[in-house]
Amino acid sequence: ILLQPGDVILLYTDGIVEARHGTREATEEGHVDLGISGLSSIVAGNRTTDPKSLLLVIMTALDQYCAPKSPHDDCTLAALRYLGASR
């Protein structure tokens, strides 16, 4: 992968994308998870946000998604923004 200045790398554990919706009923296939598409939507809507704030936005959205319950698994995130090569 060739990074461009401003690109963000987001690392996350499976507890983020497997977070279960707090009020929706489980489907025949199982619980209603946030999924990669849900996480991607959150990130896409905040792509210019600084990495620290992006982590806060994701965790806030995750808490709201799981409410009134808490996430059932560990939720670890790390975000890095590539600023470009030093000159």
C-alpha atoms as a PDB file:
ATOM      1  CA  ILE A   1       0.000   0.000   0.000  1.00  0.00           C
ATOM      2  CA  LEU A   2       1.346   3.407  -0.911  1.00  0.00           C
ATOM      3  CA  LEU A   3       0.204   5.989   1.610  1.00  0.00           C
ATOM      4  CA  GLN A   4      -0.455   9.574   0.650  1.00  0.00           C
ATOM      5  CA  PRO A   5      -0.081  12.462   3.114  1.00  0.00           C
ATOM      6  CA  GLY A   6      -3.275  12.668   5.169  1.00  0.00           C
ATOM      7  CA  ASP A   7      -4.155   8.972   4.828  1.00  0.00           C
ATOM      8  CA  VAL A   8      -5.313   7.278   8.021  1.00  0.00           C
ATOM      9  CA  ILE A   9      -4.655   3.711   9.108  1.00  0.00           C
ATOM     10  CA  LEU A  10      -7.259   2.303  11.494  1.00  0.00           C
ATOM     11  CA  LEU A  11      -6.507  -0.847  13.479  1.00  0.00           C
ATOM     12  CA  TYR A  12      -9.277  -2.537  15.447  1.00  0.00           C
ATOM     13  CA  THR A  13     -10.114  -5.756  17.232  1.00  0.00           C
ATOM     14  CA  ASP A  14     -13.024  -7.979  16.261  1.00  0.00           C
ATOM     15  CA  GLY A  15     -15.042  -6.653  19.205  1.00  0.00           C
ATOM     16  CA  ILE A  16     -15.630  -3.441  17.226  1.00  0.00           C
ATOM     17  CA  VAL A  17     -17.203  -5.011  14.130  1.00  0.00           C
ATOM     18  CA  GLU A  18     -18.907  -7.787  16.106  1.00  0.00           C
ATOM     19  CA  ALA A  19     -20.568  -5.335  18.506  1.00  0.00           C
ATOM     20  CA  ARG A  20     -24.218  -6.307  18.902  1.00  0.00           C
ATOM     21  CA  HIS A  21     -27.103  -3.904  18.538  1.00  0.00           C
ATOM     22  CA  GLY A  22     -28.573  -3.276  21.966  1.00  0.00           C
ATOM     23  CA  THR A  23     -32.284  -3.259  21.100  1.00  0.00           C
ATOM     24  CA  ARG A  24     -32.765  -5.138  17.816  1.00  0.00           C
ATOM     25  CA  GLU A  25     -33.818  -8.756  17.925  1.00  0.00           C
ATOM     26  CA  ALA A  26     -31.330 -11.341  16.717  1.00  0.00           C
ATOM     27  CA  THR A  27     -32.032 -12.687  13.237  1.00  0.00           C
ATOM     28  CA  GLU A  28     -32.066 -16.362  12.314  1.00  0.00           C
ATOM     29  CA  GLU A  29     -28.389 -15.964  11.390  1.00  0.00           C
ATOM     30  CA  GLY A  30     -27.549 -14.490  14.800  1.00  0.00           C
ATOM     31  CA  HIS A  31     -27.124 -11.104  16.421  1.00  0.00           C
ATOM     32  CA  VAL A  32     -27.252  -7.827  14.509  1.00  0.00           C
ATOM     33  CA  ASP A  33     -23.577  -6.816  14.402  1.00  0.00           C
ATOM     34  CA  LEU A  34     -22.166  -3.373  13.551  1.00  0.00           C
ATOM     35  CA  GLY A  35     -20.052  -5.050  10.869  1.00  0.00           C
ATOM     36  CA  ILE A  36     -17.321  -3.689   8.670  1.00  0.00           C
ATOM     37  CA  SER A  37     -19.865  -1.688   6.681  1.00  0.00           C
ATOM     38  CA  GLY A  38     -21.091   0.056   9.845  1.00  0.00           C
ATOM     39  CA  LEU A  39     -17.543   0.895  10.911  1.00  0.00           C
ATOM     40  CA  SER A  40     -16.711   2.055   7.372  1.00  0.00           C
ATOM     41  CA  SER A  41     -19.715   4.405   7.412  1.00  0.00           C
ATOM     42  CA  ILE A  42     -18.577   5.971  10.677  1.00  0.00           C
ATOM     43  CA  VAL A  43     -15.034   6.438   9.387  1.00  0.00           C
ATOM     44  CA  ALA A  44     -16.176   7.781   6.001  1.00  0.00           C
ATOM     45  CA  GLY A  45     -18.289  10.421   7.709  1.00  0.00           C
ATOM     46  CA  ASN A  46     -15.303  11.541   9.775  1.00  0.00           C
ATOM     47  CA  ARG A  47     -12.379  11.071   7.384  1.00  0.00           C
ATOM     48  CA  THR A  48     -10.888  14.516   7.975  1.00  0.00           C
ATOM     49  CA  THR A  49     -11.088  14.223  11.770  1.00  0.00           C
ATOM     50  CA  ASP A  50      -7.790  13.952  13.629  1.00  0.00           C
ATOM     51  CA  PRO A  51      -6.955  10.388  14.766  1.00  0.00           C
ATOM     52  CA  LYS A  52      -7.649  10.965  18.470  1.00  0.00           C
ATOM     53  CA  SER A  53     -11.059  12.498  17.752  1.00  0.00           C
ATOM     54  CA  LEU A  54     -11.828   9.743  15.245  1.00  0.00           C
ATOM     55  CA  LEU A  55     -11.324   7.135  17.977  1.00  0.00           C
ATOM     56  CA  LEU A  56     -13.695   9.061  20.263  1.00  0.00           C
ATOM     57  CA  VAL A  57     -16.310   9.315  17.489  1.00  0.00           C
ATOM     58  CA  ILE A  58     -16.104   5.568  16.807  1.00  0.00           C
ATOM     59  CA  MET A  59     -16.353   4.618  20.488  1.00  0.00           C
ATOM     60  CA  THR A  60     -19.279   6.992  21.033  1.00  0.00           C
ATOM     61  CA  ALA A  61     -21.089   5.543  18.014  1.00  0.00           C
ATOM     62  CA  LEU A  62     -20.334   2.026  19.257  1.00  0.00           C
ATOM     63  CA  ASP A  63     -21.728   2.817  22.716  1.00  0.00           C
ATOM     64  CA  GLN A  64     -24.881   4.223  21.115  1.00  0.00           C
ATOM     65  CA  TYR A  65     -25.203   1.178  18.840  1.00  0.00           C
ATOM     66  CA  CYS A  66     -24.951  -1.258  21.757  1.00  0.00           C
ATOM     67  CA  ALA A  67     -27.115   0.769  24.168  1.00  0.00           C
ATOM     68  CA  PRO A  68     -28.621   0.064  26.595  1.00  0.00           C
ATOM     69  CA  LYS A  69     -26.098  -2.778  26.848  1.00  0.00           C
ATOM     70  CA  SER A  70     -22.318  -2.575  26.709  1.00  0.00           C
ATOM     71  CA  PRO A  71     -20.168  -4.171  24.001  1.00  0.00           C
ATOM     72  CA  HIS A  72     -19.855  -7.910  24.727  1.00  0.00           C
ATOM     73  CA  ASP A  73     -16.198  -8.218  23.643  1.00  0.00           C
ATOM     74  CA  ASP A  74     -13.003  -6.192  23.909  1.00  0.00           C
ATOM     75  CA  CYS A  75     -13.002  -3.051  21.781  1.00  0.00           C
ATOM     76  CA  THR A  76      -9.525  -1.830  20.936  1.00  0.00           C
ATOM     77  CA  LEU A  77      -8.726   0.848  18.367  1.00  0.00           C
ATOM     78  CA  ALA A  78      -5.609   2.605  17.101  1.00  0.00           C
ATOM     79  CA  ALA A  79      -5.522   5.307  14.432  1.00  0.00           C
ATOM     80  CA  LEU A  80      -2.494   6.763  12.685  1.00  0.00           C
ATOM     81  CA  ARG A  81      -2.337   9.601  10.145  1.00  0.00           C
ATOM     82  CA  TYR A  82       0.532   9.614   7.637  1.00  0.00           C
ATOM     83  CA  LEU A  83       1.889  13.150   7.407  1.00  0.00           C
ATOM     84  CA  GLY A  84       4.315  12.511   4.550  1.00  0.00           C
ATOM     85  CA  ALA A  85       7.999  11.793   4.222  1.00  0.00           C
ATOM     86  CA  SER A  86      10.405  14.020   6.100  1.00  0.00           C
ATOM     87  CA  ARG A  87      12.440  16.263   3.867  1.00  0.00           C
END
